[in-house]
Amino acid sequence: MTLDAYLNSGAMTPAELARKSGLSAPSISRILFGEQNASHDAIKAIVKATGGKVTAHDLIFGKPRDPSEKRKAAA
């Protein structure tokens, strides 16, 4: 499951994922929108925080969220 799909499923919010993974909310956002590649440590933290529902493969090869969604959220 991609990070986008996981967050859209309502399993947790980006803020909750940031808290549970130990990553910053801006880092989660940059990974989600494909503006930043997840580091090895970030991948491990996200996989653990999501209980394995988002896998390393998903984070490396999954399609990021459409950047137009970021602009809508900011408006």
C-alpha atoms as a PDB file:
ATOM      1  CA  MET A   1       0.000   0.000   0.000  1.00  0.00           C
ATOM      2  CA  THR A   2       1.437   3.399  -0.895  1.00  0.00           C
ATOM      3  CA  LEU A   3       1.889   6.005   1.799  1.00  0.00           C
ATOM      4  CA  ASP A   4      -0.797   8.096   0.094  1.00  0.00           C
ATOM      5  CA  ALA A   5      -3.278   5.195   0.091  1.00  0.00           C
ATOM      6  CA  TYR A   6      -2.501   4.414   3.719  1.00  0.00           C
ATOM      7  CA  LEU A   7      -3.130   7.979   4.846  1.00  0.00           C
ATOM      8  CA  ASN A   8      -6.252   8.256   2.672  1.00  0.00           C
ATOM      9  CA  SER A   9      -7.604   5.076   4.288  1.00  0.00           C
ATOM     10  CA  GLY A  10      -7.969   6.993   7.538  1.00  0.00           C
ATOM     11  CA  ALA A  11      -5.617   4.657   9.384  1.00  0.00           C
ATOM     12  CA  MET A  12      -3.831   7.720  10.781  1.00  0.00           C
ATOM     13  CA  THR A  13      -3.182  11.325   9.929  1.00  0.00           C
ATOM     14  CA  PRO A  14       0.159  12.610   8.663  1.00  0.00           C
ATOM     15  CA  ALA A  15       0.686  14.227  12.088  1.00  0.00           C
ATOM     16  CA  GLU A  16       0.063  10.902  13.847  1.00  0.00           C
ATOM     17  CA  LEU A  17       2.443   9.156  11.447  1.00  0.00           C
ATOM     18  CA  ALA A  18       5.086  11.786  12.158  1.00  0.00           C
ATOM     19  CA  ARG A  19       4.680  11.292  15.897  1.00  0.00           C
ATOM     20  CA  LYS A  20       4.684   7.482  15.734  1.00  0.00           C
ATOM     21  CA  SER A  21       7.616   7.312  13.324  1.00  0.00           C
ATOM     22  CA  GLY A  22       9.732   9.966  15.025  1.00  0.00           C
ATOM     23  CA  LEU A  23       9.957  11.914  11.759  1.00  0.00           C
ATOM     24  CA  SER A  24       8.981  15.540  11.393  1.00  0.00           C
ATOM     25  CA  ALA A  25       5.635  16.436   9.834  1.00  0.00           C
ATOM     26  CA  PRO A  26       7.412  18.370   7.045  1.00  0.00           C
ATOM     27  CA  SER A  27       9.508  15.268   6.260  1.00  0.00           C
ATOM     28  CA  ILE A  28       6.375  13.117   6.023  1.00  0.00           C
ATOM     29  CA  SER A  29       4.846  15.700   3.676  1.00  0.00           C
ATOM     30  CA  ARG A  30       7.950  15.850   1.469  1.00  0.00           C
ATOM     31  CA  ILE A  31       8.081  12.041   1.232  1.00  0.00           C
ATOM     32  CA  LEU A  32       4.342  11.861   0.552  1.00  0.00           C
ATOM     33  CA  PHE A  33       4.555  14.354  -2.321  1.00  0.00           C
ATOM     34  CA  GLY A  34       7.769  12.921  -3.763  1.00  0.00           C
ATOM     35  CA  GLU A  35       9.800  16.014  -2.946  1.00  0.00           C
ATOM     36  CA  GLN A  36      12.219  13.984  -0.836  1.00  0.00           C
ATOM     37  CA  ASN A  37      13.354  10.387  -1.043  1.00  0.00           C
ATOM     38  CA  ALA A  38      12.915   8.535   2.206  1.00  0.00           C
ATOM     39  CA  SER A  39      16.200   7.656   3.879  1.00  0.00           C
ATOM     40  CA  HIS A  40      16.875   4.118   5.041  1.00  0.00           C
ATOM     41  CA  ASP A  41      16.036   5.143   8.619  1.00  0.00           C
ATOM     42  CA  ALA A  42      12.855   6.929   7.518  1.00  0.00           C
ATOM     43  CA  ILE A  43      11.730   3.865   5.563  1.00  0.00           C
ATOM     44  CA  LYS A  44      12.260   1.624   8.592  1.00  0.00           C
ATOM     45  CA  ALA A  45      10.404   4.084  10.837  1.00  0.00           C
ATOM     46  CA  ILE A  46       7.402   4.403   8.486  1.00  0.00           C
ATOM     47  CA  VAL A  47       7.156   0.647   7.942  1.00  0.00           C
ATOM     48  CA  LYS A  48       7.210   0.108  11.716  1.00  0.00           C
ATOM     49  CA  ALA A  49       4.736   2.937  12.444  1.00  0.00           C
ATOM     50  CA  THR A  50       2.262   1.564   9.880  1.00  0.00           C
ATOM     51  CA  GLY A  51       2.590  -1.991  11.136  1.00  0.00           C
ATOM     52  CA  GLY A  52       4.040  -3.045   7.793  1.00  0.00           C
ATOM     53  CA  LYS A  53       1.023  -1.888   5.804  1.00  0.00           C
ATOM     54  CA  VAL A  54       3.317   0.531   3.955  1.00  0.00           C
ATOM     55  CA  THR A  55       6.373  -1.456   2.885  1.00  0.00           C
ATOM     56  CA  ALA A  56       9.873  -0.398   1.904  1.00  0.00           C
ATOM     57  CA  HIS A  57       8.982  -1.337  -1.688  1.00  0.00           C
ATOM     58  CA  ASP A  58       5.939   0.952  -1.518  1.00  0.00           C
ATOM     59  CA  LEU A  59       8.050   3.855  -0.276  1.00  0.00           C
ATOM     60  CA  ILE A  60      10.780   3.362  -2.862  1.00  0.00           C
ATOM     61  CA  PHE A  61       8.667   2.550  -5.916  1.00  0.00           C
ATOM     62  CA  GLY A  62       5.188   3.838  -5.027  1.00  0.00           C
ATOM     63  CA  LYS A  63       3.679   6.788  -6.821  1.00  0.00           C
ATOM     64  CA  PRO A  64       3.721   9.992  -4.744  1.00  0.00           C
ATOM     65  CA  ARG A  65       0.615  12.047  -4.095  1.00  0.00           C
ATOM     66  CA  ASP A  66      -0.333  14.516  -6.844  1.00  0.00           C
ATOM     67  CA  PRO A  67       1.323  17.876  -6.036  1.00  0.00           C
ATOM     68  CA  SER A  68      -1.922  19.674  -6.920  1.00  0.00           C
ATOM     69  CA  GLU A  69      -3.367  18.148  -3.730  1.00  0.00           C
ATOM     70  CA  LYS A  70      -0.761  20.054  -1.710  1.00  0.00           C
ATOM     71  CA  ARG A  71      -1.836  23.338  -3.266  1.00  0.00           C
ATOM     72  CA  LYS A  72      -5.498  22.552  -2.507  1.00  0.00           C
ATOM     73  CA  ALA A  73      -4.679  21.803   1.133  1.00  0.00           C
ATOM     74  CA  ALA A  74      -2.779  25.089   1.450  1.00  0.00           C
ATOM     75  CA  ALA A  75      -5.642  27.131  -0.005  1.00  0.00           C
END
